[in-house]
Amino acid sequence: AFVPSVPGPALRVLLFLLGVQEPGGRIVITQQAIADA
């Protein structure tokens, strides 16, 4: 419900980050690792 009209790639990245987060929302990852995923 909180997602504004971000570009499509931002939504793809957000969905990925939601799936790899630690409890509390912390994510340790490089931009290249996100890109590959």
Full PDB file with SEQRES, HELIX, SHEET, SSBOND, CRYST1, ORIGX, SCALE, CONECT and MASTER records, all heavy atoms in Angstrom:
SEQRES   1 A   37  ALA PHE VAL PRO SER VAL PRO GLY PRO ALA LEU ARG VAL          
SEQRES   2 A   37  LEU LEU PHE LEU LEU GLY VAL GLN GLU PRO GLY GLY ARG          
SEQRES   3 A   37  ILE VAL ILE THR GLN GLN ALA ILE ALA ASP ALA                  
HELIX    1 AA1 GLY A    8  VAL A   20  1                                  13    
HELIX    2 AA2 GLN A   31  ASP A   36  1                                   6    
CRYST1    1.000    1.000    1.000  90.00  90.00  90.00 P 1           1          
ORIGX1      1.000000  0.000000  0.000000        0.00000                         
ORIGX2      0.000000  1.000000  0.000000        0.00000                         
ORIGX3      0.000000  0.000000  1.000000        0.00000                         
SCALE1      1.000000  0.000000  0.000000        0.00000                         
SCALE2      0.000000  1.000000  0.000000        0.00000                         
SCALE3      0.000000  0.000000  1.000000        0.00000                         
ATOM      1  N   ALA A   1       0.829  -1.199   0.000  1.00  0.00           N  
ATOM      2  CA  ALA A   1       0.000   0.000   0.000  1.00  0.00           C  
ATOM      3  C   ALA A   1       0.865   1.252   0.000  1.00  0.00           C  
ATOM      4  O   ALA A   1       0.386   2.340  -0.300  1.00  0.00           O  
ATOM      5  CB  ALA A   1      -0.921   0.005   1.215  1.00  0.00           C  
ATOM      6  N   PHE A   2       2.148   1.109   0.323  1.00  0.00           N  
ATOM      7  CA  PHE A   2       3.032   2.262   0.456  1.00  0.00           C  
ATOM      8  C   PHE A   2       3.894   2.502  -0.775  1.00  0.00           C  
ATOM      9  O   PHE A   2       4.739   3.380  -0.761  1.00  0.00           O  
ATOM     10  CB  PHE A   2       3.947   2.085   1.669  1.00  0.00           C  
ATOM     11  CG  PHE A   2       3.216   1.775   2.938  1.00  0.00           C  
ATOM     12  CD1 PHE A   2       3.497   0.638   3.656  1.00  0.00           C  
ATOM     13  CD2 PHE A   2       2.245   2.630   3.425  1.00  0.00           C  
ATOM     14  CE1 PHE A   2       2.836   0.351   4.832  1.00  0.00           C  
ATOM     15  CE2 PHE A   2       1.563   2.359   4.596  1.00  0.00           C  
ATOM     16  CZ  PHE A   2       1.856   1.212   5.291  1.00  0.00           C  
ATOM     17  N   VAL A   3       3.745   1.732  -1.815  1.00  0.00           N  
ATOM     18  CA  VAL A   3       4.628   1.855  -2.972  1.00  0.00           C  
ATOM     19  C   VAL A   3       4.116   2.961  -3.886  1.00  0.00           C  
ATOM     20  O   VAL A   3       3.029   2.850  -4.446  1.00  0.00           O  
ATOM     21  CB  VAL A   3       4.740   0.520  -3.748  1.00  0.00           C  
ATOM     22  CG1 VAL A   3       5.673   0.668  -4.929  1.00  0.00           C  
ATOM     23  CG2 VAL A   3       5.216  -0.593  -2.832  1.00  0.00           C  
ATOM     24  N   PRO A   4       4.887   4.038  -4.046  1.00  0.00           N  
ATOM     25  CA  PRO A   4       4.471   5.092  -4.980  1.00  0.00           C  
ATOM     26  C   PRO A   4       4.747   4.634  -6.409  1.00  0.00           C  
ATOM     27  O   PRO A   4       5.184   3.506  -6.637  1.00  0.00           O  
ATOM     28  CB  PRO A   4       5.359   6.281  -4.588  1.00  0.00           C  
ATOM     29  CG  PRO A   4       6.605   5.631  -4.086  1.00  0.00           C  
ATOM     30  CD  PRO A   4       6.167   4.348  -3.420  1.00  0.00           C  
ATOM     31  N   SER A   5       4.543   5.492  -7.352  1.00  0.00           N  
ATOM     32  CA  SER A   5       4.714   5.125  -8.757  1.00  0.00           C  
ATOM     33  C   SER A   5       6.190   5.157  -9.155  1.00  0.00           C  
ATOM     34  O   SER A   5       6.604   5.919 -10.009  1.00  0.00           O  
ATOM     35  CB  SER A   5       3.902   6.055  -9.659  1.00  0.00           C  
ATOM     36  OG  SER A   5       4.270   7.402  -9.416  1.00  0.00           O  
ATOM     37  N   VAL A   6       6.977   4.299  -8.502  1.00  0.00           N  
ATOM     38  CA  VAL A   6       8.398   4.184  -8.818  1.00  0.00           C  
ATOM     39  C   VAL A   6       8.558   3.481 -10.165  1.00  0.00           C  
ATOM     40  O   VAL A   6       7.671   2.739 -10.593  1.00  0.00           O  
ATOM     41  CB  VAL A   6       9.172   3.415  -7.720  1.00  0.00           C  
ATOM     42  CG1 VAL A   6       9.159   4.181  -6.413  1.00  0.00           C  
ATOM     43  CG2 VAL A   6       8.637   2.018  -7.532  1.00  0.00           C  
ATOM     44  N   PRO A   7       9.687   3.684 -10.834  1.00  0.00           N  
ATOM     45  CA  PRO A   7       9.928   2.971 -12.094  1.00  0.00           C  
ATOM     46  C   PRO A   7       9.936   1.457 -11.868  1.00  0.00           C  
ATOM     47  O   PRO A   7      10.227   0.978 -10.760  1.00  0.00           O  
ATOM     48  CB  PRO A   7      11.309   3.465 -12.530  1.00  0.00           C  
ATOM     49  CG  PRO A   7      11.551   4.718 -11.761  1.00  0.00           C  
ATOM     50  CD  PRO A   7      10.760   4.612 -10.495  1.00  0.00           C  
ATOM     51  N   GLY A   8       9.637   0.697 -12.915  1.00  0.00           N  
ATOM     52  CA  GLY A   8       9.577  -0.755 -12.837  1.00  0.00           C  
ATOM     53  C   GLY A   8      10.797  -1.413 -12.216  1.00  0.00           C  
ATOM     54  O   GLY A   8      10.653  -2.287 -11.350  1.00  0.00           O  
ATOM     55  N   PRO A   9      12.017  -1.023 -12.620  1.00  0.00           N  
ATOM     56  CA  PRO A   9      13.193  -1.646 -11.993  1.00  0.00           C  
ATOM     57  C   PRO A   9      13.238  -1.435 -10.479  1.00  0.00           C  
ATOM     58  O   PRO A   9      13.684  -2.312  -9.744  1.00  0.00           O  
ATOM     59  CB  PRO A   9      14.370  -0.963 -12.693  1.00  0.00           C  
ATOM     60  CG  PRO A   9      13.832  -0.568 -14.024  1.00  0.00           C  
ATOM     61  CD  PRO A   9      12.395  -0.181 -13.759  1.00  0.00           C  
ATOM     62  N   ALA A  10      12.755  -0.294  -9.997  1.00  0.00           N  
ATOM     63  CA  ALA A  10      12.754  -0.043  -8.547  1.00  0.00           C  
ATOM     64  C   ALA A  10      11.812  -1.021  -7.848  1.00  0.00           C  
ATOM     65  O   ALA A  10      12.114  -1.520  -6.765  1.00  0.00           O  
ATOM     66  CB  ALA A  10      12.354   1.397  -8.248  1.00  0.00           C  
ATOM     67  N   LEU A  11      10.697  -1.317  -8.481  1.00  0.00           N  
ATOM     68  CA  LEU A  11       9.772  -2.279  -7.892  1.00  0.00           C  
ATOM     69  C   LEU A  11      10.384  -3.676  -7.864  1.00  0.00           C  
ATOM     70  O   LEU A  11      10.266  -4.392  -6.872  1.00  0.00           O  
ATOM     71  CB  LEU A  11       8.456  -2.280  -8.663  1.00  0.00           C  
ATOM     72  CG  LEU A  11       7.328  -3.097  -8.062  1.00  0.00           C  
ATOM     73  CD1 LEU A  11       7.036  -2.686  -6.633  1.00  0.00           C  
ATOM     74  CD2 LEU A  11       6.082  -2.969  -8.911  1.00  0.00           C  
ATOM     75  N   ARG A  12      11.085  -4.052  -8.932  1.00  0.00           N  
ATOM     76  CA  ARG A  12      11.767  -5.352  -8.953  1.00  0.00           C  
ATOM     77  C   ARG A  12      12.803  -5.441  -7.849  1.00  0.00           C  
ATOM     78  O   ARG A  12      12.911  -6.454  -7.157  1.00  0.00           O  
ATOM     79  CB  ARG A  12      12.425  -5.581 -10.313  1.00  0.00           C  
ATOM     80  CG  ARG A  12      11.426  -5.888 -11.412  1.00  0.00           C  
ATOM     81  CD  ARG A  12      12.050  -5.945 -12.771  1.00  0.00           C  
ATOM     82  NE  ARG A  12      13.033  -7.009 -12.904  1.00  0.00           N  
ATOM     83  CZ  ARG A  12      13.783  -7.166 -13.977  1.00  0.00           C  
ATOM     84  NH1 ARG A  12      13.668  -6.339 -15.001  1.00  0.00           N  
ATOM     85  NH2 ARG A  12      14.654  -8.143 -14.042  1.00  0.00           N  
ATOM     86  N   VAL A  13      13.568  -4.369  -7.664  1.00  0.00           N  
ATOM     87  CA  VAL A  13      14.591  -4.353  -6.619  1.00  0.00           C  
ATOM     88  C   VAL A  13      13.927  -4.420  -5.245  1.00  0.00           C  
ATOM     89  O   VAL A  13      14.373  -5.162  -4.364  1.00  0.00           O  
ATOM     90  CB  VAL A  13      15.509  -3.122  -6.757  1.00  0.00           C  
ATOM     91  CG1 VAL A  13      16.388  -2.937  -5.527  1.00  0.00           C  
ATOM     92  CG2 VAL A  13      16.359  -3.236  -8.017  1.00  0.00           C  
ATOM     93  N   LEU A  14      12.841  -3.675  -5.043  1.00  0.00           N  
ATOM     94  CA  LEU A  14      12.143  -3.704  -3.760  1.00  0.00           C  
ATOM     95  C   LEU A  14      11.647  -5.111  -3.446  1.00  0.00           C  
ATOM     96  O   LEU A  14      11.822  -5.602  -2.322  1.00  0.00           O  
ATOM     97  CB  LEU A  14      10.970  -2.720  -3.751  1.00  0.00           C  
ATOM     98  CG  LEU A  14      10.118  -2.735  -2.480  1.00  0.00           C  
ATOM     99  CD1 LEU A  14      10.943  -2.340  -1.264  1.00  0.00           C  
ATOM    100  CD2 LEU A  14       8.919  -1.828  -2.639  1.00  0.00           C  
ATOM    101  N   LEU A  15      11.045  -5.772  -4.408  1.00  0.00           N  
ATOM    102  CA  LEU A  15      10.555  -7.132  -4.178  1.00  0.00           C  
ATOM    103  C   LEU A  15      11.707  -8.060  -3.786  1.00  0.00           C  
ATOM    104  O   LEU A  15      11.567  -8.887  -2.882  1.00  0.00           O  
ATOM    105  CB  LEU A  15       9.840  -7.657  -5.423  1.00  0.00           C  
ATOM    106  CG  LEU A  15       8.492  -7.008  -5.727  1.00  0.00           C  
ATOM    107  CD1 LEU A  15       7.993  -7.445  -7.092  1.00  0.00           C  
ATOM    108  CD2 LEU A  15       7.480  -7.314  -4.648  1.00  0.00           C  
ATOM    109  N   PHE A  16      12.832  -7.905  -4.446  1.00  0.00           N  
ATOM    110  CA  PHE A  16      13.992  -8.727  -4.110  1.00  0.00           C  
ATOM    111  C   PHE A  16      14.474  -8.431  -2.687  1.00  0.00           C  
ATOM    112  O   PHE A  16      14.726  -9.341  -1.900  1.00  0.00           O  
ATOM    113  CB  PHE A  16      15.127  -8.497  -5.116  1.00  0.00           C  
ATOM    114  CG  PHE A  16      16.386  -9.221  -4.752  1.00  0.00           C  
ATOM    115  CD1 PHE A  16      16.499 -10.592  -4.930  1.00  0.00           C  
ATOM    116  CD2 PHE A  16      17.455  -8.532  -4.201  1.00  0.00           C  
ATOM    117  CE1 PHE A  16      17.654 -11.271  -4.560  1.00  0.00           C  
ATOM    118  CE2 PHE A  16      18.614  -9.197  -3.839  1.00  0.00           C  
ATOM    119  CZ  PHE A  16      18.717 -10.569  -4.021  1.00  0.00           C  
ATOM    120  N   LEU A  17      14.580  -7.145  -2.350  1.00  0.00           N  
ATOM    121  CA  LEU A  17      15.060  -6.762  -1.017  1.00  0.00           C  
ATOM    122  C   LEU A  17      14.128  -7.268   0.079  1.00  0.00           C  
ATOM    123  O   LEU A  17      14.587  -7.680   1.143  1.00  0.00           O  
ATOM    124  CB  LEU A  17      15.219  -5.247  -0.918  1.00  0.00           C  
ATOM    125  CG  LEU A  17      16.286  -4.618  -1.812  1.00  0.00           C  
ATOM    126  CD1 LEU A  17      16.291  -3.104  -1.659  1.00  0.00           C  
ATOM    127  CD2 LEU A  17      17.655  -5.200  -1.548  1.00  0.00           C  
ATOM    128  N   LEU A  18      12.837  -7.250  -0.186  1.00  0.00           N  
ATOM    129  CA  LEU A  18      11.885  -7.773   0.793  1.00  0.00           C  
ATOM    130  C   LEU A  18      12.164  -9.245   1.080  1.00  0.00           C  
ATOM    131  O   LEU A  18      11.964  -9.717   2.200  1.00  0.00           O  
ATOM    132  CB  LEU A  18      10.447  -7.595   0.292  1.00  0.00           C  
ATOM    133  CG  LEU A  18       9.898  -6.171   0.327  1.00  0.00           C  
ATOM    134  CD1 LEU A  18       8.597  -6.086  -0.454  1.00  0.00           C  
ATOM    135  CD2 LEU A  18       9.720  -5.691   1.745  1.00  0.00           C  
ATOM    136  N   GLY A  19      12.641  -9.964   0.081  1.00  0.00           N  
ATOM    137  CA  GLY A  19      12.892 -11.388   0.240  1.00  0.00           C  
ATOM    138  C   GLY A  19      14.220 -11.748   0.868  1.00  0.00           C  
ATOM    139  O   GLY A  19      14.395 -12.880   1.319  1.00  0.00           O  
ATOM    140  N   VAL A  20      15.165 -10.812   0.902  1.00  0.00           N  
ATOM    141  CA  VAL A  20      16.493 -11.143   1.439  1.00  0.00           C  
ATOM    142  C   VAL A  20      16.839 -10.395   2.727  1.00  0.00           C  
ATOM    143  O   VAL A  20      17.941 -10.523   3.231  1.00  0.00           O  
ATOM    144  CB  VAL A  20      17.612 -10.888   0.391  1.00  0.00           C  
ATOM    145  CG1 VAL A  20      17.413 -11.774  -0.820  1.00  0.00           C  
ATOM    146  CG2 VAL A  20      17.694  -9.420   0.013  1.00  0.00           C  
ATOM    147  N   GLN A  21      15.891  -9.663   3.266  1.00  0.00           N  
ATOM    148  CA  GLN A  21      16.167  -8.865   4.465  1.00  0.00           C  
ATOM    149  C   GLN A  21      16.327  -9.726   5.705  1.00  0.00           C  
ATOM    150  O   GLN A  21      15.791 -10.822   5.805  1.00  0.00           O  
ATOM    151  CB  GLN A  21      15.046  -7.852   4.678  1.00  0.00           C  
ATOM    152  CG  GLN A  21      13.704  -8.506   5.006  1.00  0.00           C  
ATOM    153  CD  GLN A  21      12.614  -7.494   5.219  1.00  0.00           C  
ATOM    154  OE1 GLN A  21      12.731  -6.643   6.098  1.00  0.00           O  
ATOM    155  NE2 GLN A  21      11.560  -7.588   4.426  1.00  0.00           N  
ATOM    156  N   GLU A  22      17.077  -9.192   6.638  1.00  0.00           N  
ATOM    157  CA  GLU A  22      17.189  -9.774   7.973  1.00  0.00           C  
ATOM    158  C   GLU A  22      16.022  -9.246   8.802  1.00  0.00           C  
ATOM    159  O   GLU A  22      15.395  -8.254   8.416  1.00  0.00           O  
ATOM    160  CB  GLU A  22      18.511  -9.334   8.623  1.00  0.00           C  
ATOM    161  CG  GLU A  22      19.744  -9.770   7.882  1.00  0.00           C  
ATOM    162  CD  GLU A  22      21.014  -9.116   8.425  1.00  0.00           C  
ATOM    163  OE1 GLU A  22      20.946  -8.394   9.450  1.00  0.00           O  
ATOM    164  OE2 GLU A  22      22.071  -9.323   7.817  1.00  0.00           O  
ATOM    165  N   PRO A  23      15.722  -9.848   9.937  1.00  0.00           N  
ATOM    166  CA  PRO A  23      14.677  -9.282  10.791  1.00  0.00           C  
ATOM    167  C   PRO A  23      14.991  -7.816  11.118  1.00  0.00           C  
ATOM    168  O   PRO A  23      16.115  -7.475  11.441  1.00  0.00           O  
ATOM    169  CB  PRO A  23      14.737 -10.154  12.053  1.00  0.00           C  
ATOM    170  CG  PRO A  23      15.296 -11.451  11.573  1.00  0.00           C  
ATOM    171  CD  PRO A  23      16.270 -11.090  10.484  1.00  0.00           C  
ATOM    172  N   GLY A  24      13.994  -6.966  10.965  1.00  0.00           N  
ATOM    173  CA  GLY A  24      14.186  -5.537  11.195  1.00  0.00           C  
ATOM    174  C   GLY A  24      14.500  -4.769   9.930  1.00  0.00           C  
ATOM    175  O   GLY A  24      14.626  -3.559   9.940  1.00  0.00           O  
ATOM    176  N   GLY A  25      14.649  -5.462   8.805  1.00  0.00           N  
ATOM    177  CA  GLY A  25      14.817  -4.797   7.529  1.00  0.00           C  
ATOM    178  C   GLY A  25      16.241  -4.521   7.100  1.00  0.00           C  
ATOM    179  O   GLY A  25      16.464  -3.861   6.092  1.00  0.00           O  
ATOM    180  N   ARG A  26      17.239  -5.042   7.803  1.00  0.00           N  
ATOM    181  CA  ARG A  26      18.634  -4.802   7.426  1.00  0.00           C  
ATOM    182  C   ARG A  26      19.012  -5.731   6.273  1.00  0.00           C  
ATOM    183  O   ARG A  26      18.659  -6.913   6.271  1.00  0.00           O  
ATOM    184  CB  ARG A  26      19.558  -5.056   8.612  1.00  0.00           C  
ATOM    185  CG  ARG A  26      21.008  -4.717   8.338  1.00  0.00           C  
ATOM    186  CD  ARG A  26      21.799  -4.756   9.647  1.00  0.00           C  
ATOM    187  NE  ARG A  26      23.168  -4.380   9.435  1.00  0.00           N  
ATOM    188  CZ  ARG A  26      24.167  -5.246   9.257  1.00  0.00           C  
ATOM    189  NH1 ARG A  26      23.932  -6.546   9.278  1.00  0.00           N  
ATOM    190  NH2 ARG A  26      25.396  -4.825   9.079  1.00  0.00           N  
ATOM    191  N   ILE A  27      19.750  -5.181   5.306  1.00  0.00           N  
ATOM    192  CA  ILE A  27      20.171  -5.949   4.138  1.00  0.00           C  
ATOM    193  C   ILE A  27      21.636  -5.638   3.864  1.00  0.00           C  
ATOM    194  O   ILE A  27      22.018  -4.471   3.741  1.00  0.00           O  
ATOM    195  CB  ILE A  27      19.343  -5.569   2.897  1.00  0.00           C  
ATOM    196  CG1 ILE A  27      17.852  -5.790   3.181  1.00  0.00           C  
ATOM    197  CG2 ILE A  27      19.779  -6.375   1.679  1.00  0.00           C  
ATOM    198  CD1 ILE A  27      16.951  -4.952   2.320  1.00  0.00           C  
ATOM    199  N   VAL A  28      22.447  -6.670   3.792  1.00  0.00           N  
ATOM    200  CA  VAL A  28      23.860  -6.512   3.466  1.00  0.00           C  
ATOM    201  C   VAL A  28      24.059  -7.180   2.111  1.00  0.00           C  
ATOM    202  O   VAL A  28      24.007  -8.403   1.994  1.00  0.00           O  
ATOM    203  CB  VAL A  28      24.772  -7.154   4.537  1.00  0.00           C  
ATOM    204  CG1 VAL A  28      26.239  -6.994   4.157  1.00  0.00           C  
ATOM    205  CG2 VAL A  28      24.489  -6.547   5.906  1.00  0.00           C  
ATOM    206  N   ILE A  29      24.262  -6.338   1.076  1.00  0.00           N  
ATOM    207  CA  ILE A  29      24.370  -6.853  -0.284  1.00  0.00           C  
ATOM    208  C   ILE A  29      24.953  -5.774  -1.183  1.00  0.00           C  
ATOM    209  O   ILE A  29      24.747  -4.582  -0.947  1.00  0.00           O  
ATOM    210  CB  ILE A  29      22.984  -7.309  -0.802  1.00  0.00           C  
ATOM    211  CG1 ILE A  29      23.114  -8.144  -2.068  1.00  0.00           C  
ATOM    212  CG2 ILE A  29      22.059  -6.114  -0.994  1.00  0.00           C  
ATOM    213  CD1 ILE A  29      21.840  -8.887  -2.444  1.00  0.00           C  
ATOM    214  N   THR A  30      25.680  -6.184  -2.194  1.00  0.00           N  
ATOM    215  CA  THR A  30      26.222  -5.212  -3.148  1.00  0.00           C  
ATOM    216  C   THR A  30      25.200  -4.947  -4.247  1.00  0.00           C  
ATOM    217  O   THR A  30      24.308  -5.774  -4.500  1.00  0.00           O  
ATOM    218  CB  THR A  30      27.512  -5.736  -3.795  1.00  0.00           C  
ATOM    219  OG1 THR A  30      27.200  -6.900  -4.571  1.00  0.00           O  
ATOM    220  CG2 THR A  30      28.576  -6.046  -2.747  1.00  0.00           C  
ATOM    221  N   GLN A  31      25.364  -3.822  -4.902  1.00  0.00           N  
ATOM    222  CA  GLN A  31      24.489  -3.520  -6.031  1.00  0.00           C  
ATOM    223  C   GLN A  31      24.675  -4.547  -7.142  1.00  0.00           C  
ATOM    224  O   GLN A  31      23.712  -4.910  -7.809  1.00  0.00           O  
ATOM    225  CB  GLN A  31      24.757  -2.108  -6.554  1.00  0.00           C  
ATOM    226  CG  GLN A  31      24.260  -1.030  -5.624  1.00  0.00           C  
ATOM    227  CD  GLN A  31      24.429   0.361  -6.190  1.00  0.00           C  
ATOM    228  OE1 GLN A  31      24.714   0.551  -7.360  1.00  0.00           O  
ATOM    229  NE2 GLN A  31      24.234   1.358  -5.341  1.00  0.00           N  
ATOM    230  N   GLN A  32      25.899  -5.042  -7.316  1.00  0.00           N  
ATOM    231  CA  GLN A  32      26.141  -6.047  -8.344  1.00  0.00           C  
ATOM    232  C   GLN A  32      25.404  -7.339  -8.021  1.00  0.00           C  
ATOM    233  O   GLN A  32      24.849  -7.987  -8.909  1.00  0.00           O  
ATOM    234  CB  GLN A  32      27.637  -6.314  -8.515  1.00  0.00           C  
ATOM    235  CG  GLN A  32      27.946  -7.231  -9.687  1.00  0.00           C  
ATOM    236  CD  GLN A  32      27.463  -6.655 -11.018  1.00  0.00           C  
ATOM    237  OE1 GLN A  32      27.823  -5.538 -11.381  1.00  0.00           O  
ATOM    238  NE2 GLN A  32      26.644  -7.406 -11.740  1.00  0.00           N  
ATOM    239  N   ALA A  33      25.379  -7.735  -6.752  1.00  0.00           N  
ATOM    240  CA  ALA A  33      24.656  -8.957  -6.366  1.00  0.00           C  
ATOM    241  C   ALA A  33      23.156  -8.794  -6.611  1.00  0.00           C  
ATOM    242  O   ALA A  33      22.490  -9.734  -7.061  1.00  0.00           O  
ATOM    243  CB  ALA A  33      24.929  -9.291  -4.907  1.00  0.00           C  
ATOM    244  N   ILE A  34      22.627  -7.616  -6.332  1.00  0.00           N  
ATOM    245  CA  ILE A  34      21.211  -7.355  -6.631  1.00  0.00           C  
ATOM    246  C   ILE A  34      20.983  -7.444  -8.132  1.00  0.00           C  
ATOM    247  O   ILE A  34      20.033  -8.081  -8.596  1.00  0.00           O  
ATOM    248  CB  ILE A  34      20.771  -5.978  -6.094  1.00  0.00           C  
ATOM    249  CG1 ILE A  34      20.895  -5.913  -4.570  1.00  0.00           C  
ATOM    250  CG2 ILE A  34      19.339  -5.671  -6.528  1.00  0.00           C  
ATOM    251  CD1 ILE A  34      20.713  -4.521  -3.991  1.00  0.00           C  
ATOM    252  N   ALA A  35      21.874  -6.808  -8.895  1.00  0.00           N  
ATOM    253  CA  ALA A  35      21.748  -6.815 -10.355  1.00  0.00           C  
ATOM    254  C   ALA A  35      21.747  -8.241 -10.895  1.00  0.00           C  
ATOM    255  O   ALA A  35      20.918  -8.593 -11.750  1.00  0.00           O  
ATOM    256  CB  ALA A  35      22.883  -5.999 -10.979  1.00  0.00           C  
ATOM    257  N   ASP A  36      22.653  -9.059 -10.413  1.00  0.00           N  
ATOM    258  CA  ASP A  36      22.723 -10.451 -10.859  1.00  0.00           C  
ATOM    259  C   ASP A  36      21.442 -11.205 -10.513  1.00  0.00           C  
ATOM    260  O   ASP A  36      20.959 -12.019 -11.295  1.00  0.00           O  
ATOM    261  CB  ASP A  36      23.929 -11.158 -10.236  1.00  0.00           C  
ATOM    262  CG  ASP A  36      25.263 -10.604 -10.718  1.00  0.00           C  
ATOM    263  OD1 ASP A  36      25.298  -9.911 -11.760  1.00  0.00           O  
ATOM    264  OD2 ASP A  36      26.281 -10.853 -10.034  1.00  0.00           O  
ATOM    265  N   ALA A  37      20.890 -10.936  -9.344  1.00  0.00           N  
ATOM    266  CA  ALA A  37      19.704 -11.657  -8.882  1.00  0.00           C  
ATOM    267  C   ALA A  37      18.436 -11.272  -9.640  1.00  0.00           C  
ATOM    268  O   ALA A  37      17.577 -12.114  -9.876  1.00  0.00           O  
ATOM    269  CB  ALA A  37      19.499 -11.432  -7.392  1.00  0.00           C  
TER     270      ALA A  37                                                      
MASTER        0    0    0    2    0    0    0    6  269    1    0    3          
END                                                                             
